[in-house]
Protein backbone atom coordinates (compact mmCIF):
# COMPACT_ATOMS: atom_id res chain seq x y z
CA MET A 1 -10.12 52.48 -40.33
CA ALA A 2 -11.14 48.86 -39.84
CA ASP A 3 -14.48 47.61 -41.16
CA ILE A 4 -15.23 45.83 -37.87
CA VAL A 5 -14.74 47.11 -34.33
CA THR A 6 -15.30 44.65 -31.50
CA LEU A 7 -16.02 45.68 -27.93
CA THR A 8 -15.29 43.26 -25.07
CA MET A 9 -16.01 44.61 -21.62
CA ASN A 10 -15.14 41.40 -19.79
CA PRO A 11 -12.10 39.96 -21.60
CA SER A 12 -10.11 37.05 -20.26
CA ILE A 13 -7.07 34.89 -20.54
CA ASP A 14 -8.50 31.50 -21.51
CA VAL A 15 -6.47 28.66 -19.99
CA SER A 16 -6.99 25.13 -21.28
CA MET A 17 -5.49 21.87 -20.02
CA SER A 18 -6.30 18.19 -19.70
CA VAL A 19 -6.35 15.59 -16.93
CA GLU A 20 -6.87 11.86 -17.01
CA ARG A 21 -9.91 12.03 -14.72
CA LEU A 22 -11.46 14.67 -12.47
CA SER A 23 -11.54 13.57 -8.86
CA PRO A 24 -12.29 15.54 -5.66
CA PHE A 25 -9.72 16.22 -2.92
CA ARG A 26 -6.77 14.96 -4.98
CA LYS A 27 -3.94 16.73 -6.72
CA LEU A 28 -4.76 16.52 -10.41
CA HIS A 29 -1.67 16.66 -12.60
CA CYS A 30 -2.49 18.57 -15.78
CA THR A 31 -0.92 18.37 -19.22
CA GLY A 32 -1.28 20.34 -22.43
CA GLU A 33 -1.53 23.73 -20.76
CA HIS A 34 -2.34 26.46 -23.29
CA ARG A 35 -3.36 30.13 -23.07
CA ASP A 36 -5.34 32.21 -25.55
CA PRO A 37 -6.86 35.69 -25.53
CA GLY A 38 -10.56 35.39 -24.78
CA GLY A 39 -13.87 37.10 -24.25
CA GLY A 40 -16.70 37.39 -26.77
CA GLY A 41 -15.58 40.36 -28.85
CA ILE A 42 -11.92 39.37 -28.82
CA ASN A 43 -12.84 35.93 -30.14
CA VAL A 44 -15.03 37.52 -32.82
CA ALA A 45 -12.07 39.69 -33.87
CA ARG A 46 -9.73 36.69 -33.93
CA VAL A 47 -11.98 34.77 -36.33
CA ALA A 48 -12.83 37.76 -38.54
CA LYS A 49 -9.10 38.55 -38.81
CA ARG A 50 -8.27 34.97 -39.84
CA LEU A 51 -10.84 35.22 -42.62
CA GLY A 52 -9.34 38.46 -43.91
CA ALA A 53 -11.22 41.30 -42.17
CA GLU A 54 -9.64 44.50 -40.95
CA THR A 55 -10.59 44.63 -37.27
CA ILE A 56 -9.96 46.67 -34.14
CA ALA A 57 -10.51 45.10 -30.73
CA MET A 58 -11.52 47.40 -27.88
CA TYR A 59 -11.23 46.08 -24.31
CA PRO A 60 -10.17 47.12 -20.79
CA VAL A 61 -7.03 45.64 -19.25
CA GLY A 62 -5.80 45.44 -15.69
CA GLY A 63 -2.74 44.05 -13.91
CA ALA A 64 -0.26 41.48 -15.18
CA LEU A 65 -2.95 39.36 -16.81
CA GLY A 66 -4.21 42.40 -18.67
CA GLN A 67 -0.75 43.04 -20.09
CA MET A 68 -0.52 39.38 -21.10
CA LEU A 69 -3.88 39.67 -22.82
CA ARG A 70 -2.72 42.70 -24.77
CA ARG A 71 0.41 40.84 -25.91
CA PHE A 72 -1.69 37.88 -27.06
CA VAL A 73 -4.12 40.07 -29.05
CA ASP A 74 -1.24 42.03 -30.59
CA GLY A 75 0.42 38.72 -31.43
CA GLU A 76 -2.55 37.75 -33.60
CA GLY A 77 -2.12 40.92 -35.64
CA ILE A 78 -5.25 42.60 -34.28
CA PRO A 79 -4.89 46.31 -33.49
CA GLY A 80 -6.14 46.95 -29.98
CA LEU A 81 -7.62 50.00 -28.33
CA THR A 82 -7.29 49.34 -24.62
CA THR A 83 -8.24 51.27 -21.50
CA LEU A 84 -6.70 50.72 -18.09
CA ILE A 85 -8.58 49.46 -15.03
CA SER A 86 -7.26 48.99 -11.52
CA ALA A 87 -8.44 45.40 -10.98
CA GLU A 88 -6.85 42.33 -12.53
CA THR A 89 -8.15 40.96 -15.83
CA ARG A 90 -9.83 37.60 -15.29
CA GLU A 91 -8.80 34.09 -16.27
CA ASP A 92 -11.21 31.35 -17.39
CA PHE A 93 -10.37 27.65 -17.29
CA THR A 94 -11.28 24.76 -19.56
CA VAL A 95 -10.39 21.21 -18.49
CA PHE A 96 -10.60 18.21 -20.80
CA GLU A 97 -11.09 14.87 -19.07
CA ARG A 98 -9.29 12.31 -21.20
CA ALA A 99 -10.95 9.23 -19.67
CA THR A 100 -14.45 10.36 -20.67
CA GLY A 101 -13.85 12.86 -23.46
CA LEU A 102 -15.85 15.44 -21.51
CA GLN A 103 -14.97 19.11 -21.27
CA TYR A 104 -15.48 21.25 -18.16
CA ARG A 105 -15.55 25.05 -18.27
CA PHE A 106 -14.95 27.35 -15.30
CA VAL A 107 -15.93 30.96 -15.96
CA LEU A 108 -15.06 33.71 -13.48
CA PRO A 109 -17.19 36.86 -13.04
CA GLY A 110 -14.42 39.27 -13.93
CA PRO A 111 -13.06 42.40 -12.27
CA ARG A 112 -15.31 45.17 -10.95
CA LEU A 113 -15.05 48.37 -12.97
CA THR A 114 -15.55 51.77 -11.42
CA GLU A 115 -17.89 54.30 -13.00
CA ALA A 116 -14.91 56.30 -14.22
CA GLU A 117 -13.42 53.18 -15.84
CA TRP A 118 -16.50 52.13 -17.82
CA LEU A 119 -17.17 55.72 -18.83
CA THR A 120 -13.62 55.86 -20.18
CA CYS A 121 -14.43 52.80 -22.33
CA LEU A 122 -17.47 54.61 -23.75
CA GLU A 123 -15.42 57.72 -24.43
CA ALA A 124 -12.78 55.63 -26.20
CA PHE A 125 -15.46 54.14 -28.44
CA GLY A 126 -16.80 57.60 -29.21
CA SER A 127 -13.32 58.82 -30.12
CA LEU A 128 -12.78 56.27 -32.91
CA ASP A 129 -12.31 57.67 -36.37
CA ARG A 130 -15.39 57.19 -38.52
CA GLY A 131 -15.17 54.52 -41.17
CA ALA A 132 -16.11 51.31 -39.39
CA ARG A 133 -19.18 49.57 -40.78
CA PHE A 134 -19.92 47.27 -37.86
CA VAL A 135 -19.44 47.37 -34.11
CA VAL A 136 -19.77 44.00 -32.38
CA ALA A 137 -20.56 44.27 -28.68
CA SER A 138 -20.09 40.76 -27.37
CA GLY A 139 -19.86 38.93 -24.08
CA SER A 140 -20.97 39.51 -20.52
CA LEU A 141 -20.75 42.79 -18.65
CA PRO A 142 -18.42 42.66 -15.63
CA PRO A 143 -19.45 43.81 -12.15
CA GLY A 144 -19.90 47.55 -11.88
CA VAL A 145 -20.89 48.13 -15.51
CA PRO A 146 -24.55 49.18 -15.91
CA ASP A 147 -27.01 46.94 -17.73
CA ASP A 148 -27.61 49.59 -20.39
CA PHE A 149 -23.94 49.80 -21.44
CA TYR A 150 -24.46 48.06 -24.79
CA GLY A 151 -27.59 50.15 -25.26
CA ARG A 152 -25.45 53.27 -24.95
CA VAL A 153 -23.00 51.85 -27.47
CA ALA A 154 -25.88 51.15 -29.89
CA ALA A 155 -27.16 54.72 -29.53
CA MET A 156 -23.70 56.15 -30.20
CA ALA A 157 -23.17 53.86 -33.20
CA LYS A 158 -26.51 54.87 -34.69
CA GLN A 159 -25.44 58.53 -34.62
CA ILE A 160 -22.47 57.77 -36.88
CA ASP A 161 -24.33 55.24 -39.10
CA VAL A 162 -22.49 52.15 -37.84
CA LYS A 163 -24.39 48.86 -37.65
CA THR A 164 -24.48 47.40 -34.13
CA VAL A 165 -24.25 43.65 -33.57
CA VAL A 166 -24.89 42.37 -30.05
CA ASP A 167 -24.13 38.95 -28.61
CA SER A 168 -25.04 39.05 -24.95
CA SER A 169 -27.86 37.96 -22.68
CA GLY A 170 -30.29 39.03 -19.98
CA PRO A 171 -30.61 42.70 -19.05
CA ALA A 172 -27.63 43.72 -21.21
CA LEU A 173 -29.27 42.34 -24.35
CA ARG A 174 -32.68 43.70 -23.41
CA ALA A 175 -31.30 47.21 -22.93
CA ALA A 176 -29.46 47.10 -26.26
CA LEU A 177 -32.63 46.11 -28.08
CA GLN A 178 -34.44 49.12 -26.65
CA ASN A 179 -32.13 51.33 -28.72
CA GLY A 180 -32.49 49.27 -31.88
CA VAL A 181 -29.63 47.19 -33.29
CA TYR A 182 -28.76 45.56 -36.61
CA LEU A 183 -28.21 41.94 -35.59
CA ILE A 184 -28.32 39.77 -32.49
CA LYS A 185 -27.04 36.21 -32.06
CA PRO A 186 -28.76 34.60 -29.09
CA ASN A 187 -28.68 30.90 -28.40
CA LEU A 188 -31.98 29.25 -27.55
CA ASN A 189 -31.64 29.63 -23.78
CA GLU A 190 -30.79 33.32 -24.16
CA LEU A 191 -33.83 33.90 -26.38
CA LYS A 192 -36.08 32.04 -23.93
CA SER A 193 -34.81 34.20 -21.09
CA LEU A 194 -35.29 37.37 -23.13
CA VAL A 195 -38.95 36.73 -23.93
CA GLY A 196 -39.92 34.56 -20.94
CA SER A 197 -41.26 31.67 -23.02
CA VAL A 198 -40.29 28.01 -23.52
CA LEU A 199 -40.21 28.21 -27.37
CA GLU A 200 -40.52 24.46 -27.89
CA SER A 201 -41.43 24.50 -31.60
CA GLN A 202 -39.65 25.95 -34.60
CA ALA A 203 -42.77 27.99 -35.36
CA ASP A 204 -42.64 29.55 -31.88
CA ARG A 205 -38.99 30.44 -32.33
CA ILE A 206 -39.55 32.04 -35.72
CA MET A 207 -42.58 33.98 -34.46
CA THR A 208 -40.57 35.29 -31.51
CA CYS A 209 -37.70 36.42 -33.72
CA ARG A 210 -40.16 38.08 -36.09
CA SER A 211 -41.84 39.93 -33.22
CA LEU A 212 -38.47 41.44 -32.25
CA ILE A 213 -37.95 42.51 -35.84
CA ASP A 214 -41.47 43.88 -36.33
CA SER A 215 -41.16 45.95 -33.15
CA GLY A 216 -38.09 47.70 -34.58
CA GLN A 217 -35.69 46.34 -31.98
CA VAL A 218 -33.49 44.43 -34.45
CA GLN A 219 -33.23 43.81 -38.19
CA ILE A 220 -31.70 40.30 -38.18
CA VAL A 221 -31.80 37.48 -35.63
CA ALA A 222 -29.31 34.62 -35.95
CA LEU A 223 -30.58 32.02 -33.48
CA THR A 224 -28.05 29.29 -32.76
CA LEU A 225 -29.47 25.91 -31.73
CA GLY A 226 -26.44 23.73 -31.00
CA GLU A 227 -26.92 20.26 -32.46
CA GLU A 228 -30.08 21.47 -34.19
CA GLY A 229 -28.18 23.99 -36.29
CA ALA A 230 -29.36 27.60 -36.54
CA LEU A 231 -32.15 29.86 -37.78
CA LEU A 232 -31.64 33.14 -39.61
CA VAL A 233 -34.68 35.41 -39.45
CA THR A 234 -35.16 38.74 -41.23
CA ARG A 235 -38.28 40.74 -42.03
CA ASP A 236 -38.68 38.93 -45.35
CA HIS A 237 -36.91 35.59 -45.03
CA VAL A 238 -36.31 32.63 -42.72
CA LEU A 239 -33.43 30.23 -43.34
CA ARG A 240 -32.70 27.03 -41.46
CA ALA A 241 -29.14 25.65 -41.39
CA HIS A 242 -28.65 22.08 -40.29
CA ALA A 243 -25.70 21.25 -38.06
CA LEU A 244 -22.75 19.62 -39.76
CA ALA A 245 -21.85 16.09 -38.76
CA VAL A 246 -18.59 16.74 -36.92
CA LYS A 247 -17.34 15.14 -33.72
CA PRO A 248 -16.70 17.95 -31.21
CA VAL A 249 -13.27 18.14 -29.60
CA SER A 250 -14.07 21.41 -27.83
CA VAL A 251 -17.15 23.65 -27.72
CA VAL A 252 -15.30 26.76 -26.50
CA GLY A 253 -15.78 29.75 -28.80
CA ALA A 254 -18.11 28.09 -31.31
CA GLY A 255 -20.73 30.83 -30.96
CA ASP A 256 -18.12 33.57 -31.16
CA SER A 257 -16.67 31.93 -34.27
CA PHE A 258 -20.13 31.81 -35.85
CA LEU A 259 -20.55 35.53 -35.26
CA GLY A 260 -17.03 36.47 -36.34
CA ALA A 261 -17.40 34.66 -39.65
CA MET A 262 -20.90 35.97 -40.29
CA VAL A 263 -19.96 39.59 -39.64
CA TRP A 264 -16.84 39.15 -41.78
CA GLY A 265 -19.10 37.94 -44.58
CA LEU A 266 -21.47 40.88 -44.23
CA ALA A 267 -18.59 43.37 -44.06
CA SER A 268 -17.14 41.78 -47.20
CA GLY A 269 -20.36 42.50 -49.09
CA GLN A 270 -21.47 38.89 -49.35
CA PRO A 271 -25.20 38.03 -49.51
CA ILE A 272 -26.65 37.30 -46.10
CA GLU A 273 -27.18 33.65 -47.07
CA THR A 274 -23.46 33.27 -47.79
CA ALA A 275 -22.50 35.02 -44.55
CA PHE A 276 -24.82 32.63 -42.69
CA ARG A 277 -23.11 29.64 -44.34
CA TYR A 278 -19.72 30.94 -43.25
CA GLY A 279 -21.01 31.39 -39.72
CA MET A 280 -22.11 27.77 -39.57
CA ALA A 281 -18.84 26.56 -41.12
CA ALA A 282 -16.74 28.55 -38.63
CA ALA A 283 -18.72 27.26 -35.65
CA SER A 284 -18.28 23.69 -36.89
CA ALA A 285 -14.58 24.21 -37.60
CA THR A 286 -14.06 25.48 -34.05
CA LEU A 287 -15.55 22.25 -32.69
CA LEU A 288 -12.63 20.42 -34.31
CA ILE A 289 -9.94 22.41 -32.47
CA PRO A 290 -8.86 21.51 -28.92
CA GLY A 291 -8.97 23.96 -26.04
CA THR A 292 -9.60 27.62 -26.80
CA GLN A 293 -7.74 28.05 -30.08
CA LEU A 294 -10.78 28.66 -32.37
CA CYS A 295 -11.16 27.76 -36.02
CA ARG A 296 -8.61 27.65 -38.83
CA ARG A 297 -9.41 29.36 -42.11
CA GLU A 298 -8.65 26.26 -44.17
CA ASP A 299 -11.21 24.26 -42.18
CA VAL A 300 -13.84 26.97 -42.60
CA GLU A 301 -13.32 27.07 -46.37
CA ARG A 302 -13.46 23.26 -46.53
CA LEU A 303 -16.75 23.09 -44.61
CA VAL A 304 -18.66 26.04 -46.02
CA ASP A 305 -19.93 24.18 -49.08
CA CYS A 306 -21.22 21.41 -46.80
CA VAL A 307 -23.67 23.78 -45.09
CA LYS A 308 -27.20 23.13 -46.31
CA LEU A 309 -29.77 25.92 -46.07
CA GLN A 310 -33.52 25.45 -46.14
CA ALA A 311 -35.90 28.31 -46.83
CA ILE A 312 -38.92 28.28 -44.50
């Protein structure tokens, strides 16, 4: 059994390409077309696998794009547990504008799942052989899936002593927290939305993370702050990681890479400080890679010693 199981309810085929300049009403001739498997949990599995973890990726698939997605995930050596849906798996699009160096991301809502289809996903999760140490529920919920879906996953995981990691937002994240989870990885906007506060100062952010921990909703909060780095908050410690000085080529998948590397570190038995360093290194390494291809292990290992942590 794999140490890490990822669950992606709204997977995608991520299509990346470039144009000289975006312009309305004109045919824009694209170059550099590339396709990758995508969606939060699938990206987490891709990065954890590259770093050496044994992973299983769970996700629904539908139509021709769903079969393509399954081939892509299989091609990266990640065992998949898929369930069939009637609607077509979504595509997302990333366009790089060469004239300005800007990146544009177009994210589709995804297919609508019936009640029978999302219940089948839950049943598939419940049928997994025991032995996994972490389940990572990551990404948005597609239309038709109830807000408390990740909360149900957390409750099931708790019954078999599996640590639940959630990377989502809005009602889906709120419902998961009500069942108590091990770790969450919000960005600043997601945390603001969760608590309904502006959180302008570092002290406000730490206090908010601590309140979630003290209430028993979560044990660890990894708050990503973009160019400001990240905060890691537990009941006893607060660590601040400063962003590495890299020039971004693409921002796609940086948060997923952070989480994949951090969970890999925790599953490998590394101290939480080391896992946090690897998360920061993987996020930074992903910024160096064009399109939707995510980080390379050699870049992560090269950058990890550059990550500076400050105890607060």
